[in-house]
Amino acid sequence: MSEINLRGIGVALITPFKKDKSIDFDALSRLIDYQLAGGIDYLVALGTTAETPTLTRDERTAVVQFIIEKNNNRLPLIVGVGGNNTAEIVHELKVSHFSNIAGVLSVTPYYNKPNQEGLFQHYRALSETSLRPIILYNVPGRTGVNMEAETTLRLAESCSNIVAIKEASGKMDQIQQIIANRPKGFSVISGDDGIAFDLIKAGGEGVISVLGNALPKEFSEMVHHALEGNFELAEAENKGFSEIVRLLFKDGNPAGVKCMLHEMGYIENELRLPLVAACDKTKQQVIEELKKHLKS
């Protein structure tokens, strides 16, 4: 069913900004090099972690084009294309150039809170338009609506180019229901670093990670050990990430991971309003925890 292999770890790239809040492409270049050296399996652009709602259309286009050129087909690239106006997303899918993009990640419509039939019809319209495989993205904590397992499975069965779901509902019973009943070739990916191990152990394919921006090698090793069935080692490694993952989201995403990357010398610690940098207390906690991982 899928033209893309989503097994492993994808990293939801941040968008680095300069002090004047313009996009820092030099920093983005350094970050991509760091990811490529860290053993990740694919890149994800224009997700929530990229502060995409604060980017203009021209900036989004520039970011994707830059990543395409820098990546140079070394890893598959997934691009976020989503929103709560179905007609607008359909239009964007029609006019965008996806020649070097492996797939599209599309979040459930937010704010207007469609019912399950509305979600199904929304994604079916995208499926009928998209020239690339579609990854569903269910994150009710941000969108205000949960896409139930029955709707996900209905889409997986009826739309051949809907090939995966990034699940960030936190509902393991729902995730297990999808894994147990999905059609062949449909991937289930964690959208939450904190449950990546549990999802893989339950039969899922991996994670689209925020922490991977800062610790690609370390988090990739845990993910790959779990996928290889080495659960004892992976579980021990995963426990070591519990505190840093908690701190990662304490002051919102991507404030935590930008704090880490700034401490590591990759980026300026700049976000665009309405998001702000992590507070001093969180920043100090993040730095202390990060030091433990960089020493190991």
C-alpha atoms as a PDB file:
ATOM      1  CA  MET A   1       0.000   0.000   0.000  1.00  0.00           C
ATOM      2  CA  SER A   2       2.710   2.469   0.990  1.00  0.00           C
ATOM      3  CA  GLU A   3       5.429   3.937  -1.185  1.00  0.00           C
ATOM      4  CA  ILE A   4       7.311   5.006   1.933  1.00  0.00           C
ATOM      5  CA  ASN A   5       8.910   3.045   4.735  1.00  0.00           C
ATOM      6  CA  LEU A   6       7.916   4.665   8.025  1.00  0.00           C
ATOM      7  CA  ARG A   7       9.536   2.070  10.243  1.00  0.00           C
ATOM      8  CA  GLY A   8      11.909   3.731  12.696  1.00  0.00           C
ATOM      9  CA  ILE A   9      12.241   7.331  13.791  1.00  0.00           C
ATOM     10  CA  GLY A  10      11.312  10.501  11.966  1.00  0.00           C
ATOM     11  CA  VAL A  11      12.208  13.862  13.453  1.00  0.00           C
ATOM     12  CA  ALA A  12       9.739  16.751  13.429  1.00  0.00           C
ATOM     13  CA  LEU A  13      12.202  19.517  12.610  1.00  0.00           C
ATOM     14  CA  ILE A  14      12.073  22.821  14.423  1.00  0.00           C
ATOM     15  CA  THR A  15      12.297  26.109  12.508  1.00  0.00           C
ATOM     16  CA  PRO A  16      15.308  28.073  13.803  1.00  0.00           C
ATOM     17  CA  PHE A  17      14.887  31.844  14.035  1.00  0.00           C
ATOM     18  CA  LYS A  18      17.420  34.650  14.300  1.00  0.00           C
ATOM     19  CA  LYS A  19      17.136  37.295  17.004  1.00  0.00           C
ATOM     20  CA  ASP A  20      15.069  39.426  14.612  1.00  0.00           C
ATOM     21  CA  LYS A  21      12.670  36.425  14.251  1.00  0.00           C
ATOM     22  CA  SER A  22      13.556  35.782  10.609  1.00  0.00           C
ATOM     23  CA  ILE A  23      14.283  32.175   9.611  1.00  0.00           C
ATOM     24  CA  ASP A  24      17.862  31.133  10.288  1.00  0.00           C
ATOM     25  CA  PHE A  25      18.697  28.916   7.317  1.00  0.00           C
ATOM     26  CA  ASP A  26      22.321  28.497   8.406  1.00  0.00           C
ATOM     27  CA  ALA A  27      21.115  27.003  11.679  1.00  0.00           C
ATOM     28  CA  LEU A  28      18.626  24.812   9.824  1.00  0.00           C
ATOM     29  CA  SER A  29      21.493  23.531   7.683  1.00  0.00           C
ATOM     30  CA  ARG A  30      23.499  22.622  10.803  1.00  0.00           C
ATOM     31  CA  LEU A  31      20.483  20.906  12.311  1.00  0.00           C
ATOM     32  CA  ILE A  32      19.855  18.787   9.213  1.00  0.00           C
ATOM     33  CA  ASP A  33      23.512  17.695   9.149  1.00  0.00           C
ATOM     34  CA  TYR A  34      23.170  16.727  12.815  1.00  0.00           C
ATOM     35  CA  GLN A  35      20.056  14.668  12.080  1.00  0.00           C
ATOM     36  CA  LEU A  36      21.641  12.908   9.136  1.00  0.00           C
ATOM     37  CA  ALA A  37      24.637  11.960  11.292  1.00  0.00           C
ATOM     38  CA  GLY A  38      22.384  10.807  14.127  1.00  0.00           C
ATOM     39  CA  GLY A  39      20.932   7.740  12.459  1.00  0.00           C
ATOM     40  CA  ILE A  40      17.317   8.850  12.050  1.00  0.00           C
ATOM     41  CA  ASP A  41      15.180   7.272   9.334  1.00  0.00           C
ATOM     42  CA  TYR A  42      13.266  10.217   7.844  1.00  0.00           C
ATOM     43  CA  LEU A  43      12.678  13.955   8.188  1.00  0.00           C
ATOM     44  CA  VAL A  44       9.400  15.727   8.893  1.00  0.00           C
ATOM     45  CA  ALA A  45       8.962  19.389   7.902  1.00  0.00           C
ATOM     46  CA  LEU A  46       6.217  21.853   8.808  1.00  0.00           C
ATOM     47  CA  GLY A  47       4.777  19.970  11.752  1.00  0.00           C
ATOM     48  CA  THR A  48       3.608  21.511  15.017  1.00  0.00           C
ATOM     49  CA  THR A  49       7.209  21.563  16.266  1.00  0.00           C
ATOM     50  CA  ALA A  50       8.161  23.783  13.314  1.00  0.00           C
ATOM     51  CA  GLU A  51       5.854  26.569  14.604  1.00  0.00           C
ATOM     52  CA  THR A  52       4.133  26.261  11.236  1.00  0.00           C
ATOM     53  CA  PRO A  53       1.095  28.426  12.172  1.00  0.00           C
ATOM     54  CA  THR A  54       3.469  31.396  12.538  1.00  0.00           C
ATOM     55  CA  LEU A  55       5.109  30.909   9.130  1.00  0.00           C
ATOM     56  CA  THR A  56       3.827  32.699   6.038  1.00  0.00           C
ATOM     57  CA  ARG A  57       3.022  30.701   2.920  1.00  0.00           C
ATOM     58  CA  ASP A  58       6.224  31.977   1.281  1.00  0.00           C
ATOM     59  CA  GLU A  59       8.250  30.988   4.353  1.00  0.00           C
ATOM     60  CA  ARG A  60       6.749  27.502   4.376  1.00  0.00           C
ATOM     61  CA  THR A  61       7.654  27.072   0.732  1.00  0.00           C
ATOM     62  CA  ALA A  62      11.189  28.353   1.359  1.00  0.00           C
ATOM     63  CA  VAL A  63      11.710  26.015   4.318  1.00  0.00           C
ATOM     64  CA  VAL A  64      10.588  22.943   2.398  1.00  0.00           C
ATOM     65  CA  GLN A  65      12.686  23.844  -0.637  1.00  0.00           C
ATOM     66  CA  PHE A  66      15.740  24.410   1.563  1.00  0.00           C
ATOM     67  CA  ILE A  67      15.311  21.048   3.295  1.00  0.00           C
ATOM     68  CA  ILE A  68      14.856  19.300  -0.056  1.00  0.00           C
ATOM     69  CA  GLU A  69      18.102  20.780  -1.383  1.00  0.00           C
ATOM     70  CA  LYS A  70      20.067  20.195   1.802  1.00  0.00           C
ATOM     71  CA  ASN A  71      18.795  16.656   2.280  1.00  0.00           C
ATOM     72  CA  ASN A  72      19.493  15.815  -1.383  1.00  0.00           C
ATOM     73  CA  ASN A  73      17.329  12.660  -1.252  1.00  0.00           C
ATOM     74  CA  ARG A  74      19.446  11.112   1.479  1.00  0.00           C
ATOM     75  CA  LEU A  75      16.414  10.500   3.706  1.00  0.00           C
ATOM     76  CA  PRO A  76      12.689  10.435   2.920  1.00  0.00           C
ATOM     77  CA  LEU A  77      11.004  13.786   3.609  1.00  0.00           C
ATOM     78  CA  ILE A  78       7.458  14.108   4.958  1.00  0.00           C
ATOM     79  CA  VAL A  79       5.777  17.530   4.787  1.00  0.00           C
ATOM     80  CA  GLY A  80       2.914  18.770   6.925  1.00  0.00           C
ATOM     81  CA  VAL A  81      -0.100  19.968   4.934  1.00  0.00           C
ATOM     82  CA  GLY A  82      -3.144  20.395   7.135  1.00  0.00           C
ATOM     83  CA  GLY A  83      -5.779  22.729   8.492  1.00  0.00           C
ATOM     84  CA  ASN A  84      -9.459  23.146   9.199  1.00  0.00           C
ATOM     85  CA  ASN A  85     -10.618  24.315   5.765  1.00  0.00           C
ATOM     86  CA  THR A  86     -10.868  21.213   3.593  1.00  0.00           C
ATOM     87  CA  ALA A  87     -11.232  23.134   0.322  1.00  0.00           C
ATOM     88  CA  GLU A  88      -8.104  25.162   1.048  1.00  0.00           C
ATOM     89  CA  ILE A  89      -6.015  22.071   1.791  1.00  0.00           C
ATOM     90  CA  VAL A  90      -7.298  20.370  -1.357  1.00  0.00           C
ATOM     91  CA  HIS A  91      -6.207  23.440  -3.322  1.00  0.00           C
ATOM     92  CA  GLU A  92      -2.785  23.422  -1.657  1.00  0.00           C
ATOM     93  CA  LEU A  93      -2.316  19.769  -2.536  1.00  0.00           C
ATOM     94  CA  LYS A  94      -3.203  20.543  -6.151  1.00  0.00           C
ATOM     95  CA  VAL A  95      -0.816  23.468  -6.606  1.00  0.00           C
ATOM     96  CA  SER A  96       2.159  22.366  -4.480  1.00  0.00           C
ATOM     97  CA  HIS A  97       5.192  20.705  -6.051  1.00  0.00           C
ATOM     98  CA  PHE A  98       5.946  17.421  -4.328  1.00  0.00           C
ATOM     99  CA  SER A  99       8.529  15.906  -6.672  1.00  0.00           C
ATOM    100  CA  ASN A 100      11.059  15.294  -3.856  1.00  0.00           C
ATOM    101  CA  ILE A 101       8.604  14.608  -1.057  1.00  0.00           C
ATOM    102  CA  ALA A 102       7.816  11.085   0.101  1.00  0.00           C
ATOM    103  CA  GLY A 103       4.520  11.830   1.811  1.00  0.00           C
ATOM    104  CA  VAL A 104       2.141  14.297   3.422  1.00  0.00           C
ATOM    105  CA  LEU A 105       1.346  14.544   7.140  1.00  0.00           C
ATOM    106  CA  SER A 106      -2.113  16.024   7.692  1.00  0.00           C
ATOM    107  CA  VAL A 107      -3.526  16.914  11.100  1.00  0.00           C
ATOM    108  CA  THR A 108      -7.198  16.463  11.923  1.00  0.00           C
ATOM    109  CA  PRO A 109      -9.142  19.722  11.476  1.00  0.00           C
ATOM    110  CA  TYR A 110      -8.898  21.845  14.602  1.00  0.00           C
ATOM    111  CA  TYR A 111     -11.182  24.367  16.328  1.00  0.00           C
ATOM    112  CA  ASN A 112     -14.322  23.649  14.293  1.00  0.00           C
ATOM    113  CA  LYS A 113     -14.540  20.153  15.877  1.00  0.00           C
ATOM    114  CA  PRO A 114     -16.048  17.953  13.138  1.00  0.00           C
ATOM    115  CA  ASN A 115     -17.758  14.696  14.057  1.00  0.00           C
ATOM    116  CA  GLN A 116     -16.412  11.322  12.922  1.00  0.00           C
ATOM    117  CA  GLU A 117     -18.237  11.463   9.577  1.00  0.00           C
ATOM    118  CA  GLY A 118     -16.833  14.954   8.991  1.00  0.00           C
ATOM    119  CA  LEU A 119     -13.324  13.668   9.680  1.00  0.00           C
ATOM    120  CA  PHE A 120     -13.842  10.792   7.263  1.00  0.00           C
ATOM    121  CA  GLN A 121     -15.144  13.040   4.483  1.00  0.00           C
ATOM    122  CA  HIS A 122     -12.321  15.556   5.085  1.00  0.00           C
ATOM    123  CA  TYR A 123      -9.592  12.963   4.649  1.00  0.00           C
ATOM    124  CA  ARG A 124     -11.334  11.272   1.748  1.00  0.00           C
ATOM    125  CA  ALA A 125     -11.323  14.603  -0.088  1.00  0.00           C
ATOM    126  CA  LEU A 126      -7.579  14.935   0.580  1.00  0.00           C
ATOM    127  CA  SER A 127      -6.999  11.358  -0.536  1.00  0.00           C
ATOM    128  CA  GLU A 128      -8.751  11.967  -3.845  1.00  0.00           C
ATOM    129  CA  THR A 129      -6.444  14.930  -4.517  1.00  0.00           C
ATOM    130  CA  SER A 130      -3.022  14.033  -3.117  1.00  0.00           C
ATOM    131  CA  LEU A 131      -0.339  12.690  -5.424  1.00  0.00           C
ATOM    132  CA  ARG A 132       1.639  11.504  -2.411  1.00  0.00           C
ATOM    133  CA  PRO A 133       0.830   9.032   0.405  1.00  0.00           C
ATOM    134  CA  ILE A 134      -0.995  10.611   3.344  1.00  0.00           C
ATOM    135  CA  ILE A 135      -0.203  10.126   7.028  1.00  0.00           C
ATOM    136  CA  LEU A 136      -3.139  10.944   9.304  1.00  0.00           C
ATOM    137  CA  TYR A 137      -2.266  12.926  12.431  1.00  0.00           C
ATOM    138  CA  ASN A 138      -4.505  12.554  15.470  1.00  0.00           C
ATOM    139  CA  VAL A 139      -3.616  14.942  18.303  1.00  0.00           C
ATOM    140  CA  PRO A 140      -6.831  15.786  20.213  1.00  0.00           C
ATOM    141  CA  GLY A 141      -4.962  17.747  22.878  1.00  0.00           C
ATOM    142  CA  ARG A 142      -4.286  20.382  20.209  1.00  0.00           C
ATOM    143  CA  THR A 143      -7.246  20.021  17.865  1.00  0.00           C
ATOM    144  CA  GLY A 144     -10.160  19.524  20.265  1.00  0.00           C
ATOM    145  CA  VAL A 145     -11.380  16.348  18.531  1.00  0.00           C
ATOM    146  CA  ASN A 146     -10.277  12.723  18.757  1.00  0.00           C
ATOM    147  CA  MET A 147     -10.362  10.592  15.633  1.00  0.00           C
ATOM    148  CA  GLU A 148     -11.671   7.268  16.869  1.00  0.00           C
ATOM    149  CA  ALA A 149     -10.153   3.944  15.861  1.00  0.00           C
ATOM    150  CA  GLU A 150     -13.193   3.052  13.743  1.00  0.00           C
ATOM    151  CA  THR A 151     -12.713   6.202  11.617  1.00  0.00           C
ATOM    152  CA  THR A 152      -8.991   5.603  11.190  1.00  0.00           C
ATOM    153  CA  LEU A 153      -9.610   2.010  10.112  1.00  0.00           C
ATOM    154  CA  ARG A 154     -12.398   3.073   7.756  1.00  0.00           C
ATOM    155  CA  LEU A 155     -10.020   5.506   6.059  1.00  0.00           C
ATOM    156  CA  ALA A 156      -7.230   2.930   5.933  1.00  0.00           C
ATOM    157  CA  GLU A 157      -9.550   0.421   4.238  1.00  0.00           C
ATOM    158  CA  SER A 158     -11.226   2.790   1.777  1.00  0.00           C
ATOM    159  CA  CYS A 159      -8.407   5.168   0.719  1.00  0.00           C
ATOM    160  CA  SER A 160      -5.403   3.350  -0.726  1.00  0.00           C
ATOM    161  CA  ASN A 161      -3.046   6.332  -0.433  1.00  0.00           C
ATOM    162  CA  ILE A 162      -3.770   6.861   3.275  1.00  0.00           C
ATOM    163  CA  VAL A 163      -0.905   4.744   4.524  1.00  0.00           C
ATOM    164  CA  ALA A 164      -0.334   5.546   8.198  1.00  0.00           C
ATOM    165  CA  ILE A 165      -1.435   7.409  11.289  1.00  0.00           C
ATOM    166  CA  LYS A 166       0.646   9.475  13.674  1.00  0.00           C
ATOM    167  CA  GLU A 167      -1.185   8.814  16.931  1.00  0.00           C
ATOM    168  CA  ALA A 168      -0.839  11.344  19.736  1.00  0.00           C
ATOM    169  CA  SER A 169      -4.136  10.743  21.509  1.00  0.00           C
ATOM    170  CA  GLY A 170      -2.436   9.039  24.449  1.00  0.00           C
ATOM    171  CA  LYS A 171      -5.183   6.385  24.306  1.00  0.00           C
ATOM    172  CA  MET A 172      -3.288   3.095  24.205  1.00  0.00           C
ATOM    173  CA  ASP A 173      -6.506   1.079  23.946  1.00  0.00           C
ATOM    174  CA  GLN A 174      -7.426   3.059  20.826  1.00  0.00           C
ATOM    175  CA  ILE A 175      -3.929   2.651  19.376  1.00  0.00           C
ATOM    176  CA  GLN A 176      -3.957  -1.090  20.052  1.00  0.00           C
ATOM    177  CA  GLN A 177      -7.344  -1.380  18.341  1.00  0.00           C
ATOM    178  CA  ILE A 178      -5.908   0.250  15.213  1.00  0.00           C
ATOM    179  CA  ILE A 179      -2.820  -1.990  15.263  1.00  0.00           C
ATOM    180  CA  ALA A 180      -4.934  -5.127  15.705  1.00  0.00           C
ATOM    181  CA  ASN A 181      -7.385  -4.363  12.886  1.00  0.00           C
ATOM    182  CA  ARG A 182      -5.427  -2.343  10.322  1.00  0.00           C
ATOM    183  CA  PRO A 183      -5.071  -3.491   6.724  1.00  0.00           C
ATOM    184  CA  LYS A 184      -1.735  -4.827   5.551  1.00  0.00           C
ATOM    185  CA  GLY A 185       0.800  -2.059   4.922  1.00  0.00           C
ATOM    186  CA  PHE A 186      -0.849   0.534   7.162  1.00  0.00           C
ATOM    187  CA  SER A 187       1.650   1.958   9.684  1.00  0.00           C
ATOM    188  CA  VAL A 188       0.946   3.170  13.210  1.00  0.00           C
ATOM    189  CA  ILE A 189       3.430   5.747  14.475  1.00  0.00           C
ATOM    190  CA  SER A 190       3.686   7.417  17.863  1.00  0.00           C
ATOM    191  CA  GLY A 191       3.261  11.178  17.888  1.00  0.00           C
ATOM    192  CA  ASP A 192       4.444  11.319  21.476  1.00  0.00           C
ATOM    193  CA  ASP A 193       8.025  10.571  22.543  1.00  0.00           C
ATOM    194  CA  GLY A 194       6.780   9.399  25.919  1.00  0.00           C
ATOM    195  CA  ILE A 195       4.794   6.453  24.540  1.00  0.00           C
ATOM    196  CA  ALA A 196       7.057   5.539  21.619  1.00  0.00           C
ATOM    197  CA  PHE A 197       8.436   2.442  23.346  1.00  0.00           C
ATOM    198  CA  ASP A 198       4.998   1.200  24.429  1.00  0.00           C
ATOM    199  CA  LEU A 199       3.574   1.723  20.937  1.00  0.00           C
ATOM    200  CA  ILE A 200       6.417  -0.184  19.284  1.00  0.00           C
ATOM    201  CA  LYS A 201       6.083  -3.000  21.810  1.00  0.00           C
ATOM    202  CA  ALA A 202       2.375  -3.160  20.955  1.00  0.00           C
ATOM    203  CA  GLY A 203       3.237  -3.656  17.279  1.00  0.00           C
ATOM    204  CA  GLY A 204       3.610  -0.129  15.918  1.00  0.00           C
ATOM    205  CA  GLU A 205       6.280   1.043  13.524  1.00  0.00           C
ATOM    206  CA  GLY A 206       8.039   3.847  15.395  1.00  0.00           C
ATOM    207  CA  VAL A 207       7.779   7.526  16.267  1.00  0.00           C
ATOM    208  CA  ILE A 208       7.814  11.018  14.826  1.00  0.00           C
ATOM    209  CA  SER A 209       9.933  12.626  17.499  1.00  0.00           C
ATOM    210  CA  VAL A 210      10.508  16.057  19.021  1.00  0.00           C
ATOM    211  CA  LEU A 211      13.369  14.945  21.293  1.00  0.00           C
ATOM    212  CA  GLY A 212      15.173  13.602  18.224  1.00  0.00           C
ATOM    213  CA  ASN A 213      16.011  17.181  17.237  1.00  0.00           C
ATOM    214  CA  ALA A 214      18.415  17.354  20.191  1.00  0.00           C
ATOM    215  CA  LEU A 215      19.286  13.682  20.790  1.00  0.00           C
ATOM    216  CA  PRO A 216      18.868  11.911  17.428  1.00  0.00           C
ATOM    217  CA  LYS A 217      21.516   9.245  17.988  1.00  0.00           C
ATOM    218  CA  GLU A 218      20.455   8.404  21.532  1.00  0.00           C
ATOM    219  CA  PHE A 219      16.712   8.273  20.856  1.00  0.00           C
ATOM    220  CA  SER A 220      17.222   6.435  17.553  1.00  0.00           C
ATOM    221  CA  GLU A 221      19.115   3.698  19.348  1.00  0.00           C
ATOM    222  CA  MET A 222      16.225   3.122  21.754  1.00  0.00           C
ATOM    223  CA  VAL A 223      13.694   3.046  18.911  1.00  0.00           C
ATOM    224  CA  HIS A 224      15.739   0.651  16.802  1.00  0.00           C
ATOM    225  CA  HIS A 225      16.455  -1.659  19.734  1.00  0.00           C
ATOM    226  CA  ALA A 226      12.695  -1.846  20.382  1.00  0.00           C
ATOM    227  CA  LEU A 227      11.952  -2.524  16.716  1.00  0.00           C
ATOM    228  CA  GLU A 228      14.545  -5.312  16.733  1.00  0.00           C
ATOM    229  CA  GLY A 229      12.662  -6.925  19.631  1.00  0.00           C
ATOM    230  CA  ASN A 230      15.369  -6.137  22.176  1.00  0.00           C
ATOM    231  CA  PHE A 231      12.741  -4.890  24.611  1.00  0.00           C
ATOM    232  CA  GLU A 232      14.759  -5.280  27.812  1.00  0.00           C
ATOM    233  CA  LEU A 233      17.519  -2.985  26.562  1.00  0.00           C
ATOM    234  CA  ALA A 234      15.086  -0.573  24.905  1.00  0.00           C
ATOM    235  CA  GLU A 235      12.963  -0.322  28.047  1.00  0.00           C
ATOM    236  CA  ALA A 236      16.014   0.532  30.146  1.00  0.00           C
ATOM    237  CA  GLU A 237      17.054   3.166  27.620  1.00  0.00           C
ATOM    238  CA  ASN A 238      13.518   4.525  27.469  1.00  0.00           C
ATOM    239  CA  LYS A 239      13.350   4.978  31.240  1.00  0.00           C
ATOM    240  CA  GLY A 240      16.413   7.184  30.958  1.00  0.00           C
ATOM    241  CA  PHE A 241      14.470   9.575  28.722  1.00  0.00           C
ATOM    242  CA  SER A 242      11.419   9.972  30.968  1.00  0.00           C
ATOM    243  CA  GLU A 243      12.560  13.121  32.780  1.00  0.00           C
ATOM    244  CA  ILE A 244      13.941  14.928  29.751  1.00  0.00           C
ATOM    245  CA  VAL A 245      10.748  14.171  27.803  1.00  0.00           C
ATOM    246  CA  ARG A 246       8.699  15.589  30.692  1.00  0.00           C
ATOM    247  CA  LEU A 247      10.783  18.759  30.725  1.00  0.00           C
ATOM    248  CA  LEU A 248      10.656  18.972  26.937  1.00  0.00           C
ATOM    249  CA  PHE A 249       6.965  19.894  27.063  1.00  0.00           C
ATOM    250  CA  LYS A 250       6.781  21.629  30.445  1.00  0.00           C
ATOM    251  CA  ASP A 251       6.669  25.125  28.902  1.00  0.00           C
ATOM    252  CA  GLY A 252       5.203  24.023  25.587  1.00  0.00           C
ATOM    253  CA  ASN A 253       6.580  22.734  22.315  1.00  0.00           C
ATOM    254  CA  PRO A 254       9.076  23.619  20.850  1.00  0.00           C
ATOM    255  CA  ALA A 255      10.252  25.783  23.771  1.00  0.00           C
ATOM    256  CA  GLY A 256      11.907  22.832  25.499  1.00  0.00           C
ATOM    257  CA  VAL A 257      13.755  21.427  22.517  1.00  0.00           C
ATOM    258  CA  LYS A 258      14.832  24.889  21.335  1.00  0.00           C
ATOM    259  CA  CYS A 259      16.298  25.453  24.793  1.00  0.00           C
ATOM    260  CA  MET A 260      18.278  22.213  24.404  1.00  0.00           C
ATOM    261  CA  LEU A 261      19.507  23.024  20.909  1.00  0.00           C
ATOM    262  CA  HIS A 262      20.556  26.511  21.993  1.00  0.00           C
ATOM    263  CA  GLU A 263      22.537  25.040  24.892  1.00  0.00           C
ATOM    264  CA  MET A 264      24.206  22.688  22.399  1.00  0.00           C
ATOM    265  CA  GLY A 265      25.169  25.599  20.138  1.00  0.00           C
ATOM    266  CA  TYR A 266      22.976  24.807  17.139  1.00  0.00           C
ATOM    267  CA  ILE A 267      20.416  27.639  17.244  1.00  0.00           C
ATOM    268  CA  GLU A 268      19.369  30.896  18.860  1.00  0.00           C
ATOM    269  CA  ASN A 269      16.736  30.364  21.553  1.00  0.00           C
ATOM    270  CA  GLU A 270      14.058  32.259  19.628  1.00  0.00           C
ATOM    271  CA  LEU A 271      10.368  31.484  19.115  1.00  0.00           C
ATOM    272  CA  ARG A 272       7.614  33.467  17.439  1.00  0.00           C
ATOM    273  CA  LEU A 273       4.644  34.749  19.388  1.00  0.00           C
ATOM    274  CA  PRO A 274       2.344  33.545  20.730  1.00  0.00           C
ATOM    275  CA  LEU A 275       5.002  31.052  21.840  1.00  0.00           C
ATOM    276  CA  VAL A 276       7.842  32.173  24.104  1.00  0.00           C
ATOM    277  CA  ALA A 277      11.066  30.627  25.337  1.00  0.00           C
ATOM    278  CA  ALA A 278      11.108  28.328  28.364  1.00  0.00           C
ATOM    279  CA  CYS A 279      11.159  30.155  31.693  1.00  0.00           C
ATOM    280  CA  ASP A 280      14.434  30.383  33.624  1.00  0.00           C
ATOM    281  CA  LYS A 281      13.507  27.603  36.052  1.00  0.00           C
ATOM    282  CA  THR A 282      12.582  25.173  33.281  1.00  0.00           C
ATOM    283  CA  LYS A 283      15.605  26.210  31.260  1.00  0.00           C
ATOM    284  CA  GLN A 284      17.948  25.355  34.124  1.00  0.00           C
ATOM    285  CA  GLN A 285      16.229  21.995  34.674  1.00  0.00           C
ATOM    286  CA  VAL A 286      16.462  21.203  30.965  1.00  0.00           C
ATOM    287  CA  ILE A 287      20.152  22.095  30.843  1.00  0.00           C
ATOM    288  CA  GLU A 288      20.993  19.943  33.880  1.00  0.00           C
ATOM    289  CA  GLU A 289      19.106  16.947  32.476  1.00  0.00           C
ATOM    290  CA  LEU A 290      20.608  17.439  29.015  1.00  0.00           C
ATOM    291  CA  LYS A 291      24.116  17.322  30.458  1.00  0.00           C
ATOM    292  CA  LYS A 292      23.442  13.802  31.756  1.00  0.00           C
ATOM    293  CA  HIS A 293      22.565  12.581  28.268  1.00  0.00           C
ATOM    294  CA  LEU A 294      25.457  14.324  26.546  1.00  0.00           C
ATOM    295  CA  LYS A 295      27.918  12.748  29.002  1.00  0.00           C
ATOM    296  CA  SER A 296      26.602   9.222  28.513  1.00  0.00           C
END
